């Protein structure tokens, strides 16, 4: 990530830009507007939204979703930084685990410490979320990061990462 990127809580006026990034990346937008901007962060460069990530809270677990980076900004660690920010927010809230579904980025998240998880094994509150119940296909890989355990590998970014804030604002 270059010094010109900033990660900050999402604002209501970021929704259109985030929806456009998600659509351009062929990622689901269902349910995003209902949860936005609360618990979403955006990455900006020169004032433009170039990335986003959300952490939806369901009981004592979170769902990491809508992690997206503009194609021109990829390869700079921005997706990892956005994900790390949301995991840090989950830790700050005392959540037990973070789950995600992906059809394209399983290897990326496995390298960051997530582990495969059977969809049938997710908590009922997570299974009832729009992401799990209807937005993502059954073929999507289900991954879990246990937040009660310290990261085994000190090179993994989710051990100690400063969180931007635990949620967005409507400003």
N, C-alpha and C. Protein backbone atom coordinates (compact mmCIF):
# COMPACT_ATOMS: atom_id res chain seq x y z
N UNK A 1 0.85 -1.18 0.00
CA UNK A 1 0.00 0.00 0.00
C UNK A 1 0.89 1.24 0.00
N UNK A 2 0.61 2.16 -0.87
CA UNK A 2 1.41 3.37 -0.93
C UNK A 2 0.91 4.37 0.11
N UNK A 3 1.73 5.39 0.36
CA UNK A 3 1.39 6.36 1.38
C UNK A 3 0.19 7.22 0.99
N UNK A 4 -0.20 7.17 -0.26
CA UNK A 4 -1.33 8.00 -0.68
C UNK A 4 -2.68 7.33 -0.42
N UNK A 5 -2.66 6.07 0.05
CA UNK A 5 -3.91 5.40 0.40
C UNK A 5 -4.27 5.71 1.85
N UNK A 6 -5.54 5.82 2.10
CA UNK A 6 -6.02 5.98 3.47
C UNK A 6 -7.19 5.03 3.67
N UNK A 7 -7.25 4.37 4.82
CA UNK A 7 -8.39 3.53 5.18
C UNK A 7 -9.12 4.22 6.31
N UNK A 8 -10.41 4.40 6.11
CA UNK A 8 -11.22 5.14 7.09
C UNK A 8 -12.63 4.56 7.11
N UNK A 9 -13.39 4.84 8.17
CA UNK A 9 -14.77 4.38 8.21
C UNK A 9 -15.55 4.90 7.00
N UNK A 10 -16.41 4.04 6.48
CA UNK A 10 -17.25 4.43 5.35
C UNK A 10 -18.28 5.47 5.80
N UNK A 11 -18.66 6.29 4.84
CA UNK A 11 -19.74 7.26 5.05
C UNK A 11 -20.87 6.91 4.09
N UNK A 12 -22.05 7.37 4.40
CA UNK A 12 -23.22 7.07 3.55
C UNK A 12 -22.98 7.49 2.10
N UNK A 13 -22.27 8.59 1.89
CA UNK A 13 -22.05 9.05 0.51
C UNK A 13 -21.01 8.22 -0.25
N UNK A 14 -20.41 7.22 0.38
CA UNK A 14 -19.49 6.31 -0.30
C UNK A 14 -20.22 5.13 -0.95
N UNK A 15 -21.49 4.93 -0.62
CA UNK A 15 -22.20 3.73 -1.06
C UNK A 15 -22.18 3.55 -2.57
N UNK A 16 -22.45 4.58 -3.34
CA UNK A 16 -22.49 4.43 -4.80
C UNK A 16 -21.14 4.00 -5.34
N UNK A 17 -20.06 4.56 -4.83
CA UNK A 17 -18.72 4.20 -5.30
C UNK A 17 -18.39 2.75 -4.92
N UNK A 18 -18.76 2.34 -3.73
CA UNK A 18 -18.51 0.95 -3.30
C UNK A 18 -19.35 -0.01 -4.15
N UNK A 19 -20.62 0.33 -4.38
CA UNK A 19 -21.48 -0.53 -5.21
C UNK A 19 -20.91 -0.66 -6.63
N UNK A 20 -20.37 0.42 -7.16
CA UNK A 20 -19.78 0.37 -8.50
C UNK A 20 -18.54 -0.53 -8.52
N UNK A 21 -17.69 -0.43 -7.48
CA UNK A 21 -16.52 -1.31 -7.39
C UNK A 21 -16.94 -2.78 -7.31
N UNK A 22 -17.94 -3.07 -6.48
CA UNK A 22 -18.42 -4.44 -6.33
C UNK A 22 -18.98 -4.96 -7.65
N UNK A 23 -19.79 -4.16 -8.32
CA UNK A 23 -20.37 -4.58 -9.60
C UNK A 23 -19.29 -4.82 -10.65
N UNK A 24 -18.31 -3.93 -10.71
CA UNK A 24 -17.22 -4.08 -11.68
C UNK A 24 -16.40 -5.34 -11.42
N UNK A 25 -16.31 -5.76 -10.17
CA UNK A 25 -15.56 -6.95 -9.80
C UNK A 25 -16.43 -8.21 -9.82
N UNK A 26 -17.68 -8.07 -10.25
CA UNK A 26 -18.65 -9.17 -10.28
C UNK A 26 -18.86 -9.78 -8.89
N UNK A 27 -18.84 -8.93 -7.86
CA UNK A 27 -19.10 -9.36 -6.50
C UNK A 27 -20.53 -9.00 -6.13
N UNK A 28 -21.16 -9.77 -5.26
CA UNK A 28 -22.56 -9.51 -4.90
C UNK A 28 -22.73 -8.19 -4.15
N UNK A 29 -23.82 -7.52 -4.46
CA UNK A 29 -24.15 -6.27 -3.78
C UNK A 29 -25.36 -6.44 -2.85
N UNK A 30 -26.02 -7.57 -2.92
CA UNK A 30 -27.20 -7.82 -2.09
C UNK A 30 -26.90 -7.65 -0.62
N UNK A 31 -27.71 -6.85 0.05
CA UNK A 31 -27.56 -6.64 1.48
C UNK A 31 -26.56 -5.58 1.89
N UNK A 32 -25.73 -5.13 0.97
CA UNK A 32 -24.72 -4.13 1.34
C UNK A 32 -25.38 -2.83 1.78
N UNK A 33 -26.33 -2.33 1.02
CA UNK A 33 -26.97 -1.04 1.34
C UNK A 33 -27.62 -1.08 2.72
N UNK A 34 -28.18 -2.22 3.10
CA UNK A 34 -28.85 -2.33 4.40
C UNK A 34 -27.86 -2.25 5.56
N UNK A 35 -26.62 -2.64 5.34
CA UNK A 35 -25.60 -2.64 6.40
C UNK A 35 -24.65 -1.44 6.32
N UNK A 36 -24.74 -0.70 5.26
CA UNK A 36 -23.79 0.39 4.98
C UNK A 36 -24.25 1.69 5.60
N UNK A 37 -23.40 2.51 6.17
CA UNK A 37 -21.95 2.42 6.24
C UNK A 37 -21.43 1.74 7.51
N UNK A 38 -22.34 1.36 8.39
CA UNK A 38 -21.95 0.79 9.68
C UNK A 38 -21.06 -0.43 9.49
N UNK A 39 -19.90 -0.44 10.11
CA UNK A 39 -18.94 -1.54 10.07
C UNK A 39 -18.31 -1.78 8.71
N UNK A 40 -18.35 -0.79 7.84
CA UNK A 40 -17.61 -0.85 6.58
C UNK A 40 -16.51 0.20 6.62
N UNK A 41 -15.42 -0.11 5.94
CA UNK A 41 -14.34 0.85 5.76
C UNK A 41 -14.09 0.99 4.27
N UNK A 42 -13.53 2.13 3.91
CA UNK A 42 -13.16 2.36 2.52
C UNK A 42 -11.68 2.74 2.46
N UNK A 43 -11.08 2.42 1.34
CA UNK A 43 -9.73 2.88 1.05
C UNK A 43 -9.87 3.97 0.00
N UNK A 44 -9.19 5.08 0.21
CA UNK A 44 -9.24 6.17 -0.75
C UNK A 44 -7.84 6.51 -1.21
N UNK A 45 -7.78 7.01 -2.40
CA UNK A 45 -6.53 7.54 -2.95
C UNK A 45 -6.89 8.81 -3.68
N UNK A 46 -6.25 9.89 -3.30
CA UNK A 46 -6.53 11.20 -3.88
C UNK A 46 -8.02 11.51 -3.86
N UNK A 47 -8.69 11.11 -2.78
CA UNK A 47 -10.11 11.42 -2.58
C UNK A 47 -11.08 10.46 -3.22
N UNK A 48 -10.61 9.54 -4.04
CA UNK A 48 -11.49 8.58 -4.71
C UNK A 48 -11.51 7.26 -3.94
N UNK A 49 -12.68 6.64 -3.85
CA UNK A 49 -12.80 5.34 -3.20
C UNK A 49 -12.22 4.29 -4.14
N UNK A 50 -11.19 3.58 -3.66
CA UNK A 50 -10.51 2.56 -4.47
C UNK A 50 -10.59 1.17 -3.85
N UNK A 51 -11.25 1.06 -2.71
CA UNK A 51 -11.41 -0.23 -2.07
C UNK A 51 -12.40 -0.14 -0.92
N UNK A 52 -12.86 -1.31 -0.49
CA UNK A 52 -13.81 -1.35 0.63
C UNK A 52 -13.80 -2.74 1.25
N UNK A 53 -14.29 -2.81 2.48
CA UNK A 53 -14.47 -4.08 3.17
C UNK A 53 -15.51 -3.89 4.26
N UNK A 54 -16.28 -4.93 4.49
CA UNK A 54 -17.30 -4.87 5.53
C UNK A 54 -17.14 -5.98 6.53
N UNK A 55 -17.59 -5.73 7.74
CA UNK A 55 -17.64 -6.74 8.79
C UNK A 55 -19.05 -6.66 9.38
N UNK A 56 -19.86 -7.64 9.03
CA UNK A 56 -21.21 -7.69 9.57
C UNK A 56 -21.20 -8.55 10.81
N UNK A 57 -21.86 -8.08 11.86
CA UNK A 57 -21.87 -8.78 13.15
C UNK A 57 -23.13 -9.62 13.25
N UNK A 58 -22.93 -10.90 13.59
CA UNK A 58 -24.05 -11.84 13.76
C UNK A 58 -23.75 -12.67 15.00
N UNK A 59 -24.38 -12.28 16.13
CA UNK A 59 -24.10 -12.96 17.39
C UNK A 59 -22.67 -12.67 17.82
N UNK A 60 -21.91 -13.73 18.14
CA UNK A 60 -20.52 -13.52 18.57
C UNK A 60 -19.54 -13.78 17.43
N UNK A 61 -20.05 -13.68 16.19
CA UNK A 61 -19.20 -13.89 15.02
C UNK A 61 -19.40 -12.77 14.03
N UNK A 62 -18.42 -12.63 13.16
CA UNK A 62 -18.51 -11.63 12.10
C UNK A 62 -18.44 -12.29 10.75
N UNK A 63 -18.97 -11.59 9.76
CA UNK A 63 -18.87 -12.02 8.37
C UNK A 63 -18.09 -10.94 7.64
N UNK A 64 -16.92 -11.32 7.15
CA UNK A 64 -16.11 -10.43 6.33
C UNK A 64 -16.67 -10.51 4.93
N UNK A 65 -17.07 -9.37 4.39
CA UNK A 65 -17.66 -9.39 3.05
C UNK A 65 -17.37 -8.11 2.29
N UNK A 66 -17.60 -8.20 1.00
CA UNK A 66 -17.45 -7.05 0.11
C UNK A 66 -16.05 -6.47 0.13
N UNK A 67 -15.05 -7.34 0.27
CA UNK A 67 -13.66 -6.88 0.18
C UNK A 67 -13.37 -6.72 -1.30
N UNK A 68 -13.13 -5.48 -1.70
CA UNK A 68 -12.94 -5.17 -3.11
C UNK A 68 -11.88 -4.09 -3.26
N UNK A 69 -11.07 -4.23 -4.31
CA UNK A 69 -10.04 -3.24 -4.62
C UNK A 69 -10.12 -2.95 -6.11
N UNK A 70 -10.06 -1.69 -6.45
CA UNK A 70 -10.05 -1.27 -7.85
C UNK A 70 -8.91 -2.00 -8.57
N UNK A 71 -9.16 -2.52 -9.79
CA UNK A 71 -8.10 -3.27 -10.50
C UNK A 71 -6.78 -2.50 -10.64
N UNK A 72 -6.84 -1.20 -10.81
CA UNK A 72 -5.62 -0.40 -10.94
C UNK A 72 -4.83 -0.25 -9.66
N UNK A 73 -5.43 -0.64 -8.53
CA UNK A 73 -4.78 -0.51 -7.23
C UNK A 73 -4.35 -1.86 -6.66
N UNK A 74 -4.63 -2.94 -7.36
CA UNK A 74 -4.31 -4.27 -6.85
C UNK A 74 -2.81 -4.51 -6.85
N UNK A 75 -2.39 -5.44 -5.99
CA UNK A 75 -0.99 -5.80 -5.91
C UNK A 75 -0.17 -4.91 -5.00
N UNK A 76 -0.82 -4.05 -4.25
CA UNK A 76 -0.14 -3.11 -3.36
C UNK A 76 -0.44 -3.39 -1.89
N UNK A 77 -1.10 -4.51 -1.60
CA UNK A 77 -1.41 -4.86 -0.22
C UNK A 77 -2.68 -4.24 0.32
N UNK A 78 -3.45 -3.62 -0.54
CA UNK A 78 -4.65 -2.92 -0.08
C UNK A 78 -5.74 -3.89 0.38
N UNK A 79 -5.94 -4.99 -0.35
CA UNK A 79 -6.93 -5.99 0.07
C UNK A 79 -6.57 -6.59 1.42
N UNK A 80 -5.28 -6.84 1.63
CA UNK A 80 -4.82 -7.37 2.91
C UNK A 80 -5.03 -6.34 4.02
N UNK A 81 -4.74 -5.09 3.74
CA UNK A 81 -4.90 -4.04 4.75
C UNK A 81 -6.37 -3.85 5.11
N UNK A 82 -7.25 -3.87 4.11
CA UNK A 82 -8.69 -3.73 4.38
C UNK A 82 -9.19 -4.92 5.21
N UNK A 83 -8.77 -6.12 4.84
CA UNK A 83 -9.18 -7.32 5.59
C UNK A 83 -8.65 -7.27 7.01
N UNK A 84 -7.39 -6.89 7.16
CA UNK A 84 -6.78 -6.80 8.49
C UNK A 84 -7.51 -5.79 9.37
N UNK A 85 -7.93 -4.69 8.78
CA UNK A 85 -8.67 -3.68 9.54
C UNK A 85 -9.97 -4.25 10.09
N UNK A 86 -10.67 -5.00 9.27
CA UNK A 86 -11.96 -5.57 9.70
C UNK A 86 -11.74 -6.68 10.72
N UNK A 87 -10.68 -7.47 10.58
CA UNK A 87 -10.38 -8.49 11.58
C UNK A 87 -10.01 -7.82 12.91
N UNK A 88 -9.26 -6.74 12.85
CA UNK A 88 -8.92 -6.00 14.08
C UNK A 88 -10.19 -5.46 14.73
N UNK A 89 -11.14 -5.00 13.93
CA UNK A 89 -12.42 -4.52 14.48
C UNK A 89 -13.17 -5.66 15.16
N UNK A 90 -13.13 -6.85 14.55
CA UNK A 90 -13.78 -8.02 15.16
C UNK A 90 -13.13 -8.37 16.49
N UNK A 91 -11.80 -8.34 16.53
CA UNK A 91 -11.08 -8.61 17.78
C UNK A 91 -11.45 -7.57 18.84
N UNK A 92 -11.50 -6.31 18.44
CA UNK A 92 -11.82 -5.23 19.38
C UNK A 92 -13.22 -5.40 19.97
N UNK A 93 -14.11 -6.00 19.22
CA UNK A 93 -15.48 -6.24 19.70
C UNK A 93 -15.60 -7.53 20.49
N UNK A 94 -14.54 -8.29 20.57
CA UNK A 94 -14.56 -9.54 21.33
C UNK A 94 -15.25 -10.69 20.61
N UNK A 95 -15.31 -10.64 19.29
CA UNK A 95 -15.96 -11.72 18.55
C UNK A 95 -15.10 -12.99 18.62
N UNK A 96 -15.76 -14.13 18.53
CA UNK A 96 -15.07 -15.41 18.61
C UNK A 96 -14.44 -15.82 17.29
N UNK A 97 -15.06 -15.43 16.17
CA UNK A 97 -14.58 -15.87 14.86
C UNK A 97 -15.08 -14.93 13.78
N UNK A 98 -14.39 -14.98 12.65
CA UNK A 98 -14.82 -14.27 11.45
C UNK A 98 -14.95 -15.31 10.34
N UNK A 99 -16.06 -15.26 9.61
CA UNK A 99 -16.34 -16.17 8.51
C UNK A 99 -16.37 -15.38 7.21
N UNK A 100 -16.13 -16.07 6.12
CA UNK A 100 -16.31 -15.45 4.81
C UNK A 100 -16.62 -16.52 3.79
N UNK A 101 -17.24 -16.09 2.70
CA UNK A 101 -17.50 -16.94 1.55
C UNK A 101 -16.80 -16.31 0.36
N UNK A 102 -16.19 -17.14 -0.47
CA UNK A 102 -15.52 -16.61 -1.66
C UNK A 102 -15.52 -17.64 -2.78
N UNK A 103 -15.66 -17.14 -3.99
CA UNK A 103 -15.54 -18.01 -5.16
C UNK A 103 -14.20 -17.79 -5.86
N UNK A 104 -13.45 -16.76 -5.45
CA UNK A 104 -12.22 -16.42 -6.18
C UNK A 104 -10.99 -16.21 -5.30
N UNK A 105 -11.15 -15.99 -4.01
CA UNK A 105 -10.01 -15.56 -3.19
C UNK A 105 -9.67 -16.50 -2.04
N UNK A 106 -10.04 -17.77 -2.14
CA UNK A 106 -9.77 -18.69 -1.03
C UNK A 106 -8.28 -18.79 -0.73
N UNK A 107 -7.45 -18.92 -1.75
CA UNK A 107 -6.00 -19.04 -1.51
C UNK A 107 -5.45 -17.82 -0.78
N UNK A 108 -5.91 -16.63 -1.16
CA UNK A 108 -5.49 -15.39 -0.52
C UNK A 108 -5.79 -15.45 0.98
N UNK A 109 -7.02 -15.82 1.34
CA UNK A 109 -7.41 -15.83 2.75
C UNK A 109 -6.79 -17.00 3.51
N UNK A 110 -6.53 -18.11 2.85
CA UNK A 110 -5.83 -19.21 3.52
C UNK A 110 -4.42 -18.77 3.91
N UNK A 111 -3.76 -18.01 3.06
CA UNK A 111 -2.42 -17.50 3.39
C UNK A 111 -2.46 -16.52 4.56
N UNK A 112 -3.61 -15.92 4.79
CA UNK A 112 -3.74 -14.94 5.88
C UNK A 112 -4.24 -15.56 7.18
N UNK A 113 -4.35 -16.88 7.22
CA UNK A 113 -4.69 -17.54 8.46
C UNK A 113 -6.09 -18.09 8.56
N UNK A 114 -6.96 -17.84 7.58
CA UNK A 114 -8.29 -18.44 7.58
C UNK A 114 -8.14 -19.93 7.29
N UNK A 115 -9.11 -20.72 7.73
CA UNK A 115 -9.10 -22.16 7.49
C UNK A 115 -10.44 -22.56 6.88
N UNK A 116 -10.43 -23.63 6.08
CA UNK A 116 -11.70 -24.11 5.52
C UNK A 116 -12.68 -24.49 6.62
N UNK A 117 -13.92 -24.26 6.35
CA UNK A 117 -14.99 -24.54 7.31
C UNK A 117 -16.20 -25.02 6.53
N UNK A 118 -16.82 -26.09 6.97
CA UNK A 118 -18.05 -26.55 6.31
C UNK A 118 -19.15 -25.53 6.56
N UNK A 119 -19.87 -25.21 5.53
CA UNK A 119 -20.97 -24.24 5.67
C UNK A 119 -21.97 -24.70 6.72
N UNK A 120 -22.15 -25.99 6.84
CA UNK A 120 -23.08 -26.54 7.83
C UNK A 120 -22.62 -26.30 9.26
N UNK A 121 -21.33 -25.98 9.44
CA UNK A 121 -20.78 -25.79 10.79
C UNK A 121 -20.77 -24.34 11.26
N UNK A 122 -21.23 -23.39 10.44
CA UNK A 122 -21.23 -22.00 10.87
C UNK A 122 -22.37 -21.80 11.88
N UNK A 123 -22.21 -20.87 12.81
CA UNK A 123 -23.28 -20.60 13.77
C UNK A 123 -24.57 -20.19 13.05
N UNK A 124 -25.69 -20.47 13.68
CA UNK A 124 -27.00 -20.19 13.08
C UNK A 124 -27.15 -18.72 12.70
N UNK A 125 -26.63 -17.82 13.54
CA UNK A 125 -26.75 -16.38 13.24
C UNK A 125 -26.01 -16.03 11.96
N UNK A 126 -24.85 -16.64 11.73
CA UNK A 126 -24.08 -16.40 10.51
C UNK A 126 -24.79 -17.04 9.32
N UNK A 127 -25.27 -18.27 9.50
CA UNK A 127 -25.98 -18.98 8.42
C UNK A 127 -27.21 -18.20 7.97
N UNK A 128 -27.81 -17.44 8.88
CA UNK A 128 -29.00 -16.66 8.55
C UNK A 128 -28.70 -15.32 7.92
N UNK A 129 -27.44 -14.94 7.85
CA UNK A 129 -27.09 -13.66 7.22
C UNK A 129 -27.37 -13.72 5.73
N UNK A 130 -27.63 -12.58 5.12
CA UNK A 130 -27.93 -12.56 3.69
C UNK A 130 -26.79 -13.12 2.87
N UNK A 131 -25.56 -12.87 3.29
CA UNK A 131 -24.38 -13.39 2.57
C UNK A 131 -24.42 -14.91 2.49
N UNK A 132 -24.73 -15.57 3.60
CA UNK A 132 -24.75 -17.03 3.63
C UNK A 132 -26.08 -17.59 3.14
N UNK A 133 -27.18 -16.92 3.44
CA UNK A 133 -28.50 -17.47 3.12
C UNK A 133 -28.87 -17.34 1.65
N UNK A 134 -28.42 -16.26 0.98
CA UNK A 134 -28.91 -16.10 -0.38
C UNK A 134 -27.96 -15.45 -1.37
N UNK A 135 -27.00 -14.67 -0.92
CA UNK A 135 -26.19 -13.89 -1.85
C UNK A 135 -25.11 -14.74 -2.53
N UNK A 136 -24.39 -15.54 -1.76
CA UNK A 136 -23.29 -16.32 -2.32
C UNK A 136 -23.75 -17.72 -2.72
N UNK A 137 -23.23 -18.23 -3.83
CA UNK A 137 -23.64 -19.55 -4.28
C UNK A 137 -23.14 -20.65 -3.35
N UNK A 138 -23.79 -21.80 -3.41
CA UNK A 138 -23.41 -22.94 -2.59
C UNK A 138 -21.99 -23.41 -2.92
N UNK A 139 -21.51 -23.10 -4.10
CA UNK A 139 -20.17 -23.51 -4.51
C UNK A 139 -19.06 -22.66 -3.90
N UNK A 140 -19.42 -21.55 -3.24
CA UNK A 140 -18.41 -20.67 -2.64
C UNK A 140 -17.69 -21.38 -1.50
N UNK A 141 -16.38 -21.16 -1.41
CA UNK A 141 -15.61 -21.71 -0.30
C UNK A 141 -15.98 -20.96 0.98
N UNK A 142 -16.16 -21.70 2.05
CA UNK A 142 -16.45 -21.13 3.36
C UNK A 142 -15.17 -21.21 4.18
N UNK A 143 -14.76 -20.08 4.73
CA UNK A 143 -13.53 -20.00 5.52
C UNK A 143 -13.82 -19.37 6.87
N UNK A 144 -12.98 -19.71 7.85
CA UNK A 144 -13.17 -19.23 9.23
C UNK A 144 -11.83 -18.84 9.82
N UNK A 145 -11.82 -17.75 10.56
CA UNK A 145 -10.66 -17.33 11.33
C UNK A 145 -11.07 -17.32 12.79
N UNK A 146 -10.45 -18.17 13.60
CA UNK A 146 -10.74 -18.25 15.02
C UNK A 146 -10.01 -17.12 15.72
N UNK A 147 -10.73 -16.22 16.33
CA UNK A 147 -10.13 -15.06 16.99
C UNK A 147 -9.74 -15.34 18.43
N UNK A 148 -10.10 -16.50 18.96
CA UNK A 148 -9.74 -16.85 20.33
C UNK A 148 -8.32 -17.37 20.41
N UNK A 149 -7.74 -17.70 19.26
CA UNK A 149 -6.37 -18.21 19.23
C UNK A 149 -5.44 -17.13 18.69
N UNK A 150 -4.24 -17.08 19.22
CA UNK A 150 -3.24 -16.15 18.69
C UNK A 150 -2.78 -16.68 17.34
N UNK A 151 -2.47 -15.81 16.41
CA UNK A 151 -1.98 -16.28 15.12
C UNK A 151 -0.72 -17.13 15.31
N UNK A 152 -0.66 -18.26 14.60
CA UNK A 152 0.46 -19.17 14.73
C UNK A 152 1.71 -18.62 14.03
N UNK A 153 1.51 -17.84 13.02
CA UNK A 153 2.62 -17.33 12.22
C UNK A 153 2.74 -15.82 12.43
N UNK A 154 3.86 -15.34 12.97
CA UNK A 154 3.99 -13.90 13.23
C UNK A 154 3.98 -13.06 11.96
N UNK A 155 4.13 -13.68 10.80
CA UNK A 155 4.08 -12.92 9.55
C UNK A 155 2.65 -12.67 9.09
N UNK A 156 1.71 -13.36 9.70
CA UNK A 156 0.31 -13.13 9.33
C UNK A 156 -0.13 -11.78 9.87
N UNK A 157 -0.87 -11.05 9.09
CA UNK A 157 -1.18 -9.66 9.45
C UNK A 157 -2.25 -9.49 10.51
N UNK A 158 -2.91 -10.56 10.95
CA UNK A 158 -4.07 -10.39 11.80
C UNK A 158 -3.77 -10.48 13.28
N UNK A 159 -2.49 -10.55 13.66
CA UNK A 159 -2.15 -10.59 15.07
C UNK A 159 -2.42 -9.28 15.75
N UNK A 160 -1.75 -8.23 15.34
CA UNK A 160 -1.94 -6.91 15.92
C UNK A 160 -1.98 -5.90 14.80
N UNK A 161 -3.16 -5.42 14.50
CA UNK A 161 -3.35 -4.44 13.44
C UNK A 161 -4.19 -3.32 14.01
N UNK A 162 -3.75 -2.07 13.90
CA UNK A 162 -4.59 -0.99 14.39
C UNK A 162 -5.87 -0.92 13.57
N UNK A 163 -6.96 -0.74 14.26
CA UNK A 163 -8.26 -0.65 13.58
C UNK A 163 -8.59 0.82 13.36
N UNK A 164 -9.18 1.11 12.19
CA UNK A 164 -9.51 2.49 11.88
C UNK A 164 -10.54 3.02 12.87
N UNK A 165 -11.58 2.29 13.05
CA UNK A 165 -12.62 2.49 14.05
C UNK A 165 -13.50 1.27 13.93
N UNK A 166 -14.38 1.05 14.86
CA UNK A 166 -15.20 -0.16 14.78
C UNK A 166 -16.39 0.01 13.87
N UNK A 167 -16.62 1.16 13.35
CA UNK A 167 -17.75 1.31 12.44
C UNK A 167 -17.68 2.58 11.66
N UNK A 168 -18.59 2.68 10.72
CA UNK A 168 -18.67 3.87 9.89
C UNK A 168 -19.56 4.90 10.53
N UNK A 169 -19.81 5.94 9.79
CA UNK A 169 -20.71 6.99 10.28
C UNK A 169 -21.55 7.47 9.13
N UNK A 170 -22.57 8.18 9.44
CA UNK A 170 -23.45 8.72 8.40
C UNK A 170 -23.07 10.13 8.02
N UNK A 171 -21.92 10.62 8.48
CA UNK A 171 -21.50 11.99 8.17
C UNK A 171 -21.34 12.21 6.69
